[in-house]
Amino acid sequence: MERVGYAMRDLDRLHATAQRHGHHIGIYVQRLLDEPLPWTRMRSVYRLLGLVRRRPRPVEDACRTALDLDVVSVAKIAAMLAQAWRPPHRSCPPARGSRAGSPATPPSSRPRSTIRGGV
């Protein structure tokens, strides 16, 4: 059934699908398709719906923010989602010979030992 809407370029069906995912997503899709040649923006709508399938709630929030700022760009929505998501922080021990929070000193810049004949 969804293939028929895709093949027929059914904009109403596309908008209804977006509206089912969230109020602001529906408005955002309506704004995307509000052009003289709306089928030229269908690929953007499909990209947005792909984002919705992976993370529905954050996309709804991003669409709300983008509408408040009057930004209609799926690339911006994707960037907002990427910026908001951070991988879990894995604590690693500091590098040997370094203090926490400072970069390790490379061996060539370390002071040489003043003891002669020693190690």
PDB file of N, CA and C in Angstrom:
ATOM      1  N   MET A   1       0.828  -1.193   0.000  1.00  0.00           N
ATOM      2  CA  MET A   1       0.000   0.000   0.000  1.00  0.00           C
ATOM      3  C   MET A   1       0.872   1.258   0.000  1.00  0.00           C
ATOM      4  N   GLU A   2       1.981   1.215   0.753  1.00  0.00           N
ATOM      5  CA  GLU A   2       2.865   2.376   0.794  1.00  0.00           C
ATOM      6  C   GLU A   2       3.576   2.584  -0.530  1.00  0.00           C
ATOM      7  N   ARG A   3       3.811   1.505  -1.255  1.00  0.00           N
ATOM      8  CA  ARG A   3       4.447   1.606  -2.571  1.00  0.00           C
ATOM      9  C   ARG A   3       3.573   2.356  -3.557  1.00  0.00           C
ATOM     10  N   VAL A   4       2.269   2.191  -3.419  1.00  0.00           N
ATOM     11  CA  VAL A   4       1.348   2.895  -4.309  1.00  0.00           C
ATOM     12  C   VAL A   4       1.475   4.400  -4.094  1.00  0.00           C
ATOM     13  N   GLY A   5       1.519   4.823  -2.824  1.00  0.00           N
ATOM     14  CA  GLY A   5       1.678   6.247  -2.529  1.00  0.00           C
ATOM     15  C   GLY A   5       2.990   6.783  -3.042  1.00  0.00           C
ATOM     16  N   TYR A   6       4.037   5.975  -2.961  1.00  0.00           N
ATOM     17  CA  TYR A   6       5.347   6.384  -3.468  1.00  0.00           C
ATOM     18  C   TYR A   6       5.329   6.497  -4.987  1.00  0.00           C
ATOM     19  N   ALA A   7       4.768   5.482  -5.639  1.00  0.00           N
ATOM     20  CA  ALA A   7       4.740   5.463  -7.108  1.00  0.00           C
ATOM     21  C   ALA A   7       3.848   6.566  -7.675  1.00  0.00           C
ATOM     22  N   MET A   8       2.762   6.857  -6.991  1.00  0.00           N
ATOM     23  CA  MET A   8       1.815   7.855  -7.493  1.00  0.00           C
ATOM     24  C   MET A   8       2.145   9.280  -7.031  1.00  0.00           C
ATOM     25  N   ARG A   9       3.206   9.409  -6.238  1.00  0.00           N
ATOM     26  CA  ARG A   9       3.588  10.721  -5.697  1.00  0.00           C
ATOM     27  C   ARG A   9       2.416  11.369  -4.972  1.00  0.00           C
ATOM     28  N   ASP A  10       1.809  10.583  -4.103  1.00  0.00           N
ATOM     29  CA  ASP A  10       0.631  11.033  -3.368  1.00  0.00           C
ATOM     30  C   ASP A  10       1.063  11.912  -2.193  1.00  0.00           C
ATOM     31  N   LEU A  11       0.968  13.214  -2.380  1.00  0.00           N
ATOM     32  CA  LEU A  11       1.409  14.156  -1.362  1.00  0.00           C
ATOM     33  C   LEU A  11       0.512  14.138  -0.136  1.00  0.00           C
ATOM     34  N   ASP A  12      -0.784  13.917  -0.337  1.00  0.00           N
ATOM     35  CA  ASP A  12      -1.707  13.871   0.799  1.00  0.00           C
ATOM     36  C   ASP A  12      -1.391  12.695   1.708  1.00  0.00           C
ATOM     37  N   ARG A  13      -1.088  11.566   1.114  1.00  0.00           N
ATOM     38  CA  ARG A  13      -0.740  10.378   1.898  1.00  0.00           C
ATOM     39  C   ARG A  13       0.573  10.611   2.650  1.00  0.00           C
ATOM     40  N   LEU A  14       1.513  11.257   2.008  1.00  0.00           N
ATOM     41  CA  LEU A  14       2.801  11.551   2.622  1.00  0.00           C
ATOM     42  C   LEU A  14       2.620  12.484   3.819  1.00  0.00           C
ATOM     43  N   HIS A  15       1.798  13.492   3.645  1.00  0.00           N
ATOM     44  CA  HIS A  15       1.514  14.414   4.747  1.00  0.00           C
ATOM     45  C   HIS A  15       0.787  13.707   5.886  1.00  0.00           C
ATOM     46  N   ALA A  16      -0.168  12.845   5.564  1.00  0.00           N
ATOM     47  CA  ALA A  16      -0.901  12.103   6.600  1.00  0.00           C
ATOM     48  C   ALA A  16       0.032  11.182   7.381  1.00  0.00           C
ATOM     49  N   THR A  17       0.969  10.557   6.695  1.00  0.00           N
ATOM     50  CA  THR A  17       1.942   9.695   7.372  1.00  0.00           C
ATOM     51  C   THR A  17       2.771  10.514   8.355  1.00  0.00           C
ATOM     52  N   ALA A  18       3.226  11.665   7.927  1.00  0.00           N
ATOM     53  CA  ALA A  18       4.019  12.528   8.797  1.00  0.00           C
ATOM     54  C   ALA A  18       3.197  13.004   9.990  1.00  0.00           C
ATOM     55  N   GLN A  19       1.944  13.350   9.751  1.00  0.00           N
ATOM     56  CA  GLN A  19       1.065  13.842  10.812  1.00  0.00           C
ATOM     57  C   GLN A  19       0.844  12.772  11.887  1.00  0.00           C
ATOM     58  N   ARG A  20       0.798  11.512  11.483  1.00  0.00           N
ATOM     59  CA  ARG A  20       0.632  10.418  12.456  1.00  0.00           C
ATOM     60  C   ARG A  20       1.833  10.316  13.397  1.00  0.00           C
ATOM     61  N   HIS A  21       3.002  10.736  12.935  1.00  0.00           N
ATOM     62  CA  HIS A  21       4.200  10.651  13.768  1.00  0.00           C
ATOM     63  C   HIS A  21       4.299  11.788  14.772  1.00  0.00           C
ATOM     64  N   GLY A  22       3.632  12.886  14.502  1.00  0.00           N
ATOM     65  CA  GLY A  22       3.665  14.008  15.438  1.00  0.00           C
ATOM     66  C   GLY A  22       3.120  15.272  14.801  1.00  0.00           C
ATOM     67  N   HIS A  23       2.548  16.107  15.629  1.00  0.00           N
ATOM     68  CA  HIS A  23       1.930  17.347  15.156  1.00  0.00           C
ATOM     69  C   HIS A  23       2.950  18.242  14.440  1.00  0.00           C
ATOM     70  N   HIS A  24       4.105  18.466  15.058  1.00  0.00           N
ATOM     71  CA  HIS A  24       5.106  19.359  14.476  1.00  0.00           C
ATOM     72  C   HIS A  24       5.768  18.742  13.250  1.00  0.00           C
ATOM     73  N   ILE A  25       5.886  17.427  13.237  1.00  0.00           N
ATOM     74  CA  ILE A  25       6.421  16.750  12.053  1.00  0.00           C
ATOM     75  C   ILE A  25       5.469  16.963  10.874  1.00  0.00           C
ATOM     76  N   GLY A  26       4.162  16.864  11.130  1.00  0.00           N
ATOM     77  CA  GLY A  26       3.164  17.098  10.084  1.00  0.00           C
ATOM     78  C   GLY A  26       3.231  18.516   9.536  1.00  0.00           C
ATOM     79  N   ILE A  27       3.362  19.485  10.433  1.00  0.00           N
ATOM     80  CA  ILE A  27       3.462  20.879   9.993  1.00  0.00           C
ATOM     81  C   ILE A  27       4.749  21.089   9.197  1.00  0.00           C
ATOM     82  N   TYR A  28       5.828  20.469   9.653  1.00  0.00           N
ATOM     83  CA  TYR A  28       7.118  20.614   8.975  1.00  0.00           C
ATOM     84  C   TYR A  28       7.043  20.055   7.553  1.00  0.00           C
ATOM     85  N   VAL A  29       6.418  18.893   7.401  1.00  0.00           N
ATOM     86  CA  VAL A  29       6.259  18.300   6.071  1.00  0.00           C
ATOM     87  C   VAL A  29       5.375  19.187   5.202  1.00  0.00           C
ATOM     88  N   GLN A  30       4.340  19.742   5.788  1.00  0.00           N
ATOM     89  CA  GLN A  30       3.478  20.657   5.037  1.00  0.00           C
ATOM     90  C   GLN A  30       4.276  21.859   4.542  1.00  0.00           C
ATOM     91  N   ARG A  31       5.152  22.388   5.384  1.00  0.00           N
ATOM     92  CA  ARG A  31       6.003  23.511   4.975  1.00  0.00           C
ATOM     93  C   ARG A  31       6.987  23.094   3.888  1.00  0.00           C
ATOM     94  N   LEU A  32       7.529  21.874   3.998  1.00  0.00           N
ATOM     95  CA  LEU A  32       8.452  21.379   2.973  1.00  0.00           C
ATOM     96  C   LEU A  32       7.776  21.282   1.610  1.00  0.00           C
ATOM     97  N   LEU A  33       6.539  20.805   1.626  1.00  0.00           N
ATOM     98  CA  LEU A  33       5.824  20.571   0.375  1.00  0.00           C
ATOM     99  C   LEU A  33       5.067  21.797  -0.132  1.00  0.00           C
ATOM    100  N   ASP A  34       5.129  22.892   0.599  1.00  0.00           N
ATOM    101  CA  ASP A  34       4.418  24.110   0.210  1.00  0.00           C
ATOM    102  C   ASP A  34       5.246  24.880  -0.816  1.00  0.00           C
ATOM    103  N   GLU A  35       5.296  24.342  -2.029  1.00  0.00           N
ATOM    104  CA  GLU A  35       6.058  24.923  -3.131  1.00  0.00           C
ATOM    105  C   GLU A  35       5.264  24.753  -4.416  1.00  0.00           C
ATOM    106  N   PRO A  36       5.599  25.492  -5.448  1.00  0.00           N
ATOM    107  CA  PRO A  36       4.895  25.305  -6.724  1.00  0.00           C
ATOM    108  C   PRO A  36       5.083  23.895  -7.302  1.00  0.00           C
ATOM    109  N   LEU A  37       6.245  23.279  -7.070  1.00  0.00           N
ATOM    110  CA  LEU A  37       6.512  21.918  -7.545  1.00  0.00           C
ATOM    111  C   LEU A  37       6.833  21.028  -6.341  1.00  0.00           C
ATOM    112  N   PRO A  38       5.820  20.651  -5.561  1.00  0.00           N
ATOM    113  CA  PRO A  38       6.086  19.964  -4.289  1.00  0.00           C
ATOM    114  C   PRO A  38       6.763  18.605  -4.452  1.00  0.00           C
ATOM    115  N   TRP A  39       6.560  17.920  -5.576  1.00  0.00           N
ATOM    116  CA  TRP A  39       7.173  16.598  -5.727  1.00  0.00           C
ATOM    117  C   TRP A  39       8.690  16.686  -5.808  1.00  0.00           C
ATOM    118  N   THR A  40       9.232  17.892  -6.038  1.00  0.00           N
ATOM    119  CA  THR A  40      10.685  18.041  -6.034  1.00  0.00           C
ATOM    120  C   THR A  40      11.255  17.976  -4.618  1.00  0.00           C
ATOM    121  N   ARG A  41      10.409  18.088  -3.618  1.00  0.00           N
ATOM    122  CA  ARG A  41      10.845  18.044  -2.220  1.00  0.00           C
ATOM    123  C   ARG A  41      10.489  16.728  -1.544  1.00  0.00           C
ATOM    124  N   MET A  42       9.944  15.796  -2.304  1.00  0.00           N
ATOM    125  CA  MET A  42       9.522  14.526  -1.709  1.00  0.00           C
ATOM    126  C   MET A  42      10.702  13.755  -1.121  1.00  0.00           C
ATOM    127  N   ARG A  43      11.850  13.823  -1.757  1.00  0.00           N
ATOM    128  CA  ARG A  43      13.017  13.104  -1.243  1.00  0.00           C
ATOM    129  C   ARG A  43      13.392  13.621   0.148  1.00  0.00           C
ATOM    130  N   SER A  44      13.247  14.912   0.358  1.00  0.00           N
ATOM    131  CA  SER A  44      13.516  15.477   1.682  1.00  0.00           C
ATOM    132  C   SER A  44      12.525  14.950   2.709  1.00  0.00           C
ATOM    133  N   VAL A  45      11.276  14.823   2.300  1.00  0.00           N
ATOM    134  CA  VAL A  45      10.253  14.297   3.209  1.00  0.00           C
ATOM    135  C   VAL A  45      10.565  12.842   3.557  1.00  0.00           C
ATOM    136  N   TYR A  46      10.979  12.056   2.578  1.00  0.00           N
ATOM    137  CA  TYR A  46      11.328  10.662   2.857  1.00  0.00           C
ATOM    138  C   TYR A  46      12.536  10.581   3.792  1.00  0.00           C
ATOM    139  N   ARG A  47      13.475  11.497   3.650  1.00  0.00           N
ATOM    140  CA  ARG A  47      14.621  11.511   4.563  1.00  0.00           C
ATOM    141  C   ARG A  47      14.156  11.833   5.980  1.00  0.00           C
ATOM    142  N   LEU A  48      13.256  12.805   6.117  1.00  0.00           N
ATOM    143  CA  LEU A  48      12.727  13.153   7.434  1.00  0.00           C
ATOM    144  C   LEU A  48      11.998  11.966   8.054  1.00  0.00           C
ATOM    145  N   LEU A  49      11.195  11.277   7.255  1.00  0.00           N
ATOM    146  CA  LEU A  49      10.480  10.110   7.775  1.00  0.00           C
ATOM    147  C   LEU A  49      11.450   8.996   8.168  1.00  0.00           C
ATOM    148  N   GLY A  50      12.569   8.892   7.483  1.00  0.00           N
ATOM    149  CA  GLY A  50      13.598   7.938   7.884  1.00  0.00           C
ATOM    150  C   GLY A  50      14.174   8.288   9.244  1.00  0.00           C
ATOM    151  N   LEU A  51      14.385   9.572   9.496  1.00  0.00           N
ATOM    152  CA  LEU A  51      14.849  10.010  10.816  1.00  0.00           C
ATOM    153  C   LEU A  51      13.806   9.713  11.882  1.00  0.00           C
ATOM    154  N   VAL A  52      12.550   9.883  11.530  1.00  0.00           N
ATOM    155  CA  VAL A  52      11.453   9.631  12.475  1.00  0.00           C
ATOM    156  C   VAL A  52      11.417   8.155  12.870  1.00  0.00           C
ATOM    157  N   ARG A  53      11.653   7.275  11.909  1.00  0.00           N
ATOM    158  CA  ARG A  53      11.613   5.838  12.231  1.00  0.00           C
ATOM    159  C   ARG A  53      12.687   5.467  13.255  1.00  0.00           C
ATOM    160  N   ARG A  54      13.832   6.140  13.197  1.00  0.00           N
ATOM    161  CA  ARG A  54      14.916   5.829  14.129  1.00  0.00           C
ATOM    162  C   ARG A  54      14.732   6.499  15.478  1.00  0.00           C
ATOM    163  N   ARG A  55      14.255   7.748  15.488  1.00  0.00           N
ATOM    164  CA  ARG A  55      14.174   8.506  16.739  1.00  0.00           C
ATOM    165  C   ARG A  55      12.977   9.449  16.702  1.00  0.00           C
ATOM    166  N   PRO A  56      11.771   8.926  16.920  1.00  0.00           N
ATOM    167  CA  PRO A  56      10.568   9.754  16.739  1.00  0.00           C
ATOM    168  C   PRO A  56      10.477  10.969  17.665  1.00  0.00           C
ATOM    169  N   ARG A  57      10.719  10.799  18.936  1.00  0.00           N
ATOM    170  CA  ARG A  57      10.546  11.923  19.874  1.00  0.00           C
ATOM    171  C   ARG A  57      11.549  13.050  19.620  1.00  0.00           C
ATOM    172  N   PRO A  58      12.843  12.743  19.448  1.00  0.00           N
ATOM    173  CA  PRO A  58      13.775  13.837  19.166  1.00  0.00           C
ATOM    174  C   PRO A  58      13.473  14.568  17.849  1.00  0.00           C
ATOM    175  N   VAL A  59      12.947  13.862  16.852  1.00  0.00           N
ATOM    176  CA  VAL A  59      12.617  14.524  15.584  1.00  0.00           C
ATOM    177  C   VAL A  59      11.445  15.475  15.789  1.00  0.00           C
ATOM    178  N   GLU A  60      10.472  15.065  16.571  1.00  0.00           N
ATOM    179  CA  GLU A  60       9.331  15.944  16.876  1.00  0.00           C
ATOM    180  C   GLU A  60       9.826  17.217  17.555  1.00  0.00           C
ATOM    181  N   ASP A  61      10.732  17.070  18.522  1.00  0.00           N
ATOM    182  CA  ASP A  61      11.274  18.238  19.228  1.00  0.00           C
ATOM    183  C   ASP A  61      12.104  19.117  18.283  1.00  0.00           C
ATOM    184  N   ALA A  62      12.896  18.487  17.423  1.00  0.00           N
ATOM    185  CA  ALA A  62      13.719  19.247  16.476  1.00  0.00           C
ATOM    186  C   ALA A  62      12.841  19.997  15.475  1.00  0.00           C
ATOM    187  N   CYS A  63      11.758  19.365  15.034  1.00  0.00           N
ATOM    188  CA  CYS A  63      10.832  20.036  14.104  1.00  0.00           C
ATOM    189  C   CYS A  63      10.169  21.232  14.781  1.00  0.00           C
ATOM    190  N   ARG A  64       9.810  21.083  16.042  1.00  0.00           N
ATOM    191  CA  ARG A  64       9.200  22.191  16.774  1.00  0.00           C
ATOM    192  C   ARG A  64      10.181  23.364  16.859  1.00  0.00           C
ATOM    193  N   THR A  65      11.429  23.072  17.199  1.00  0.00           N
ATOM    194  CA  THR A  65      12.444  24.124  17.301  1.00  0.00           C
ATOM    195  C   THR A  65      12.696  24.782  15.948  1.00  0.00           C
ATOM    196  N   ALA A  66      12.808  23.970  14.906  1.00  0.00           N
ATOM    197  CA  ALA A  66      13.060  24.500  13.568  1.00  0.00           C
ATOM    198  C   ALA A  66      11.895  25.377  13.098  1.00  0.00           C
ATOM    199  N   LEU A  67      10.672  24.977  13.404  1.00  0.00           N
ATOM    200  CA  LEU A  67       9.520  25.795  13.026  1.00  0.00           C
ATOM    201  C   LEU A  67       9.520  27.122  13.783  1.00  0.00           C
ATOM    202  N   ASP A  68       9.902  27.077  15.060  1.00  0.00           N
ATOM    203  CA  ASP A  68       9.990  28.316  15.842  1.00  0.00           C
ATOM    204  C   ASP A  68      11.011  29.274  15.237  1.00  0.00           C
ATOM    205  N   LEU A  69      12.089  28.710  14.672  1.00  0.00           N
ATOM    206  CA  LEU A  69      13.148  29.526  14.078  1.00  0.00           C
ATOM    207  C   LEU A  69      12.920  29.786  12.590  1.00  0.00           C
ATOM    208  N   ASP A  70      11.839  29.238  12.046  1.00  0.00           N
ATOM    209  CA  ASP A  70      11.494  29.370  10.627  1.00  0.00           C
ATOM    210  C   ASP A  70      12.597  28.804   9.726  1.00  0.00           C
ATOM    211  N   VAL A  71      13.100  27.633  10.100  1.00  0.00           N
ATOM    212  CA  VAL A  71      14.119  26.935   9.323  1.00  0.00           C
ATOM    213  C   VAL A  71      13.467  25.692   8.738  1.00  0.00           C
ATOM    214  N   VAL A  72      13.425  25.611   7.412  1.00  0.00           N
ATOM    215  CA  VAL A  72      12.805  24.464   6.752  1.00  0.00           C
ATOM    216  C   VAL A  72      13.877  23.770   5.918  1.00  0.00           C
ATOM    217  N   SER A  73      14.594  22.872   6.583  1.00  0.00           N
ATOM    218  CA  SER A  73      15.672  22.136   5.943  1.00  0.00           C
ATOM    219  C   SER A  73      15.864  20.828   6.703  1.00  0.00           C
ATOM    220  N   VAL A  74      15.687  19.712   6.015  1.00  0.00           N
ATOM    221  CA  VAL A  74      15.853  18.412   6.664  1.00  0.00           C
ATOM    222  C   VAL A  74      17.313  18.202   7.049  1.00  0.00           C
ATOM    223  N   ALA A  75      18.233  18.773   6.290  1.00  0.00           N
ATOM    224  CA  ALA A  75      19.652  18.683   6.651  1.00  0.00           C
ATOM    225  C   ALA A  75      19.890  19.335   8.014  1.00  0.00           C
ATOM    226  N   LYS A  76      19.210  20.435   8.285  1.00  0.00           N
ATOM    227  CA  LYS A  76      19.354  21.096   9.591  1.00  0.00           C
ATOM    228  C   LYS A  76      18.754  20.240  10.705  1.00  0.00           C
ATOM    229  N   ILE A  77      17.643  19.571  10.423  1.00  0.00           N
ATOM    230  CA  ILE A  77      17.043  18.676  11.412  1.00  0.00           C
ATOM    231  C   ILE A  77      18.026  17.547  11.729  1.00  0.00           C
ATOM    232  N   ALA A  78      18.617  16.966  10.706  1.00  0.00           N
ATOM    233  CA  ALA A  78      19.589  15.885  10.905  1.00  0.00           C
ATOM    234  C   ALA A  78      20.790  16.394  11.702  1.00  0.00           C
ATOM    235  N   ALA A  79      21.243  17.603  11.425  1.00  0.00           N
ATOM    236  CA  ALA A  79      22.375  18.173  12.161  1.00  0.00           C
ATOM    237  C   ALA A  79      22.008  18.420  13.621  1.00  0.00           C
ATOM    238  N   MET A  80      20.784  18.870  13.864  1.00  0.00           N
ATOM    239  CA  MET A  80      20.332  19.085  15.237  1.00  0.00           C
ATOM    240  C   MET A  80      20.327  17.770  16.006  1.00  0.00           C
ATOM    241  N   LEU A  81      19.866  16.713  15.360  1.00  0.00           N
ATOM    242  CA  LEU A  81      19.831  15.408  16.014  1.00  0.00           C
ATOM    243  C   LEU A  81      21.243  14.885  16.276  1.00  0.00           C
ATOM    244  N   ALA A  82      22.130  15.074  15.316  1.00  0.00           N
ATOM    245  CA  ALA A  82      23.508  14.614  15.482  1.00  0.00           C
ATOM    246  C   ALA A  82      24.200  15.394  16.598  1.00  0.00           C
ATOM    247  N   GLN A  83      23.921  16.672  16.698  1.00  0.00           N
ATOM    248  CA  GLN A  83      24.539  17.501  17.734  1.00  0.00           C
ATOM    249  C   GLN A  83      24.013  17.124  19.116  1.00  0.00           C
ATOM    250  N   ALA A  84      22.751  16.779  19.197  1.00  0.00           N
ATOM    251  CA  ALA A  84      22.142  16.454  20.488  1.00  0.00           C
ATOM    252  C   ALA A  84      22.569  15.086  20.987  1.00  0.00           C
ATOM    253  N   TRP A  85      22.881  14.170  20.087  1.00  0.00           N
ATOM    254  CA  TRP A  85      23.244  12.826  20.492  1.00  0.00           C
ATOM    255  C   TRP A  85      24.742  12.738  20.680  1.00  0.00           C
ATOM    256  N   ARG A  86      25.136  12.255  21.821  1.00  0.00           N
ATOM    257  CA  ARG A  86      26.548  12.058  22.104  1.00  0.00           C
ATOM    258  C   ARG A  86      26.752  10.588  22.483  1.00  0.00           C
ATOM    259  N   PRO A  87      27.819   9.982  22.001  1.00  0.00           N
ATOM    260  CA  PRO A  87      28.065   8.604  22.409  1.00  0.00           C
ATOM    261  C   PRO A  87      28.350   8.549  23.902  1.00  0.00           C
ATOM    262  N   PRO A  88      28.078   7.414  24.532  1.00  0.00           N
ATOM    263  CA  PRO A  88      28.340   7.312  25.971  1.00  0.00           C
ATOM    264  C   PRO A  88      29.815   7.578  26.252  1.00  0.00           C
ATOM    265  N   HIS A  89      30.079   8.320  27.312  1.00  0.00           N
ATOM    266  CA  HIS A  89      31.451   8.671  27.659  1.00  0.00           C
ATOM    267  C   HIS A  89      32.135   7.469  28.292  1.00  0.00           C
ATOM    268  N   ARG A  90      33.246   7.099  27.714  1.00  0.00           N
ATOM    269  CA  ARG A  90      34.039   6.003  28.274  1.00  0.00           C
ATOM    270  C   ARG A  90      35.238   6.619  28.948  1.00  0.00           C
ATOM    271  N   SER A  91      35.352   6.393  30.232  1.00  0.00           N
ATOM    272  CA  SER A  91      36.483   6.978  30.934  1.00  0.00           C
ATOM    273  C   SER A  91      37.721   6.143  30.671  1.00  0.00           C
ATOM    274  N   CYS A  92      38.745   6.800  30.224  1.00  0.00           N
ATOM    275  CA  CYS A  92      40.023   6.154  29.956  1.00  0.00           C
ATOM    276  C   CYS A  92      41.033   6.686  30.954  1.00  0.00           C
ATOM    277  N   PRO A  93      41.942   5.855  31.383  1.00  0.00           N
ATOM    278  CA  PRO A  93      42.970   6.379  32.286  1.00  0.00           C
ATOM    279  C   PRO A  93      43.854   7.357  31.533  1.00  0.00           C
ATOM    280  N   PRO A  94      44.397   8.363  32.230  1.00  0.00           N
ATOM    281  CA  PRO A  94      45.255   9.326  31.537  1.00  0.00           C
ATOM    282  C   PRO A  94      46.489   8.637  30.976  1.00  0.00           C
ATOM    283  N   ALA A  95      47.059   9.234  29.945  1.00  0.00           N
ATOM    284  CA  ALA A  95      48.249   8.675  29.328  1.00  0.00           C
ATOM    285  C   ALA A  95      49.387   8.634  30.334  1.00  0.00           C
ATOM    286  N   ARG A  96      50.247   7.675  30.187  1.00  0.00           N
ATOM    287  CA  ARG A  96      51.356   7.497  31.114  1.00  0.00           C
ATOM    288  C   ARG A  96      52.243   8.744  31.111  1.00  0.00           C
ATOM    289  N   GLY A  97      52.547   9.226  32.294  1.00  0.00           N
ATOM    290  CA  GLY A  97      53.425  10.386  32.396  1.00  0.00           C
ATOM    291  C   GLY A  97      52.708  11.708  32.255  1.00  0.00           C
ATOM    292  N   SER A  98      51.385  11.681  32.179  1.00  0.00           N
ATOM    293  CA  SER A  98      50.663  12.948  32.043  1.00  0.00           C
ATOM    294  C   SER A  98      49.772  13.168  33.240  1.00  0.00           C
ATOM    295  N   ARG A  99      49.443  14.404  33.452  1.00  0.00           N
ATOM    296  CA  ARG A  99      48.495  14.734  34.503  1.00  0.00           C
ATOM    297  C   ARG A  99      47.107  14.724  33.901  1.00  0.00           C
ATOM    298  N   ALA A 100      46.132  14.461  34.716  1.00  0.00           N
ATOM    299  CA  ALA A 100      44.752  14.450  34.227  1.00  0.00           C
ATOM    300  C   ALA A 100      44.414  15.831  33.679  1.00  0.00           C
ATOM    301  N   GLY A 101      43.873  15.847  32.478  1.00  0.00           N
ATOM    302  CA  GLY A 101      43.441  17.101  31.876  1.00  0.00           C
ATOM    303  C   GLY A 101      44.510  17.780  31.043  1.00  0.00           C
ATOM    304  N   SER A 102      45.757  17.283  31.082  1.00  0.00           N
ATOM    305  CA  SER A 102      46.797  17.901  30.257  1.00  0.00           C
ATOM    306  C   SER A 102      47.347  16.860  29.297  1.00  0.00           C
ATOM    307  N   PRO A 103      47.781  17.280  28.129  1.00  0.00           N
ATOM    308  CA  PRO A 103      48.285  16.308  27.161  1.00  0.00           C
ATOM    309  C   PRO A 103      49.612  15.712  27.629  1.00  0.00           C
ATOM    310  N   ALA A 104      49.892  14.508  27.185  1.00  0.00           N
ATOM    311  CA  ALA A 104      51.144  13.858  27.532  1.00  0.00           C
ATOM    312  C   ALA A 104      52.300  14.606  26.877  1.00  0.00           C
ATOM    313  N   THR A 105      53.410  14.678  27.580  1.00  0.00           N
ATOM    314  CA  THR A 105      54.581  15.351  27.043  1.00  0.00           C
ATOM    315  C   THR A 105      55.332  14.388  26.132  1.00  0.00           C
ATOM    316  N   PRO A 106      55.606  14.782  24.894  1.00  0.00           N
ATOM    317  CA  PRO A 106      56.327  13.878  24.002  1.00  0.00           C
ATOM    318  C   PRO A 106      57.743  13.641  24.509  1.00  0.00           C
ATOM    319  N   PRO A 107      58.314  12.450  24.269  1.00  0.00           N
ATOM    320  CA  PRO A 107      59.635  12.123  24.798  1.00  0.00           C
ATOM    321  C   PRO A 107      60.722  13.093  24.356  1.00  0.00           C
ATOM    322  N   SER A 108      60.639  13.648  23.162  1.00  0.00           N
ATOM    323  CA  SER A 108      61.697  14.524  22.671  1.00  0.00           C
ATOM    324  C   SER A 108      61.768  15.845  23.429  1.00  0.00           C
ATOM    325  N   SER A 109      60.695  16.262  24.085  1.00  0.00           N
ATOM    326  CA  SER A 109      60.705  17.545  24.780  1.00  0.00           C
ATOM    327  C   SER A 109      60.903  17.398  26.287  1.00  0.00           C
ATOM    328  N   ARG A 110      61.072  16.146  26.760  1.00  0.00           N
ATOM    329  CA  ARG A 110      61.317  15.938  28.183  1.00  0.00           C
ATOM    330  C   ARG A 110      62.756  16.362  28.504  1.00  0.00           C
ATOM    331  N   PRO A 111      62.995  16.886  29.699  1.00  0.00           N
ATOM    332  CA  PRO A 111      64.353  17.241  30.069  1.00  0.00           C
ATOM    333  C   PRO A 111      65.213  15.982  30.204  1.00  0.00           C
ATOM    334  N   ARG A 112      66.438  16.073  29.745  1.00  0.00           N
ATOM    335  CA  ARG A 112      67.344  14.942  29.843  1.00  0.00           C
ATOM    336  C   ARG A 112      67.924  14.841  31.245  1.00  0.00           C
ATOM    337  N   SER A 113      68.269  13.658  31.596  1.00  0.00           N
ATOM    338  CA  SER A 113      68.875  13.422  32.897  1.00  0.00           C
ATOM    339  C   SER A 113      70.235  14.091  32.966  1.00  0.00           C
ATOM    340  N   THR A 114      70.566  14.693  34.095  1.00  0.00           N
ATOM    341  CA  THR A 114      71.848  15.351  34.250  1.00  0.00           C
ATOM    342  C   THR A 114      72.920  14.399  34.775  1.00  0.00           C
ATOM    343  N   ILE A 115      72.537  13.190  35.099  1.00  0.00           N
ATOM    344  CA  ILE A 115      73.503  12.213  35.616  1.00  0.00           C
ATOM    345  C   ILE A 115      74.253  11.597  34.443  1.00  0.00           C
ATOM    346  N   ARG A 116      75.549  11.686  34.459  1.00  0.00           N
ATOM    347  CA  ARG A 116      76.352  11.129  33.381  1.00  0.00           C
ATOM    348  C   ARG A 116      76.699   9.682  33.687  1.00  0.00           C
ATOM    349  N   GLY A 117      76.699   8.920  32.635  1.00  0.00           N
ATOM    350  CA  GLY A 117      77.072   7.513  32.776  1.00  0.00           C
ATOM    351  C   GLY A 117      75.966   6.675  33.375  1.00  0.00           C
ATOM    352  N   GLY A 118      74.884   7.326  33.741  1.00  0.00           N
ATOM    353  CA  GLY A 118      73.767   6.606  34.321  1.00  0.00           C
ATOM    354  C   GLY A 118      72.792   6.188  33.251  1.00  0.00           C
ATOM    355  N   VAL A 119      71.678   5.862  33.685  1.00  0.00           N
ATOM    356  CA  VAL A 119      70.631   5.389  32.792  1.00  0.00           C
ATOM    357  C   VAL A 119      70.100   6.466  31.924  1.00  0.00           C
TER     358      VAL A 119
END
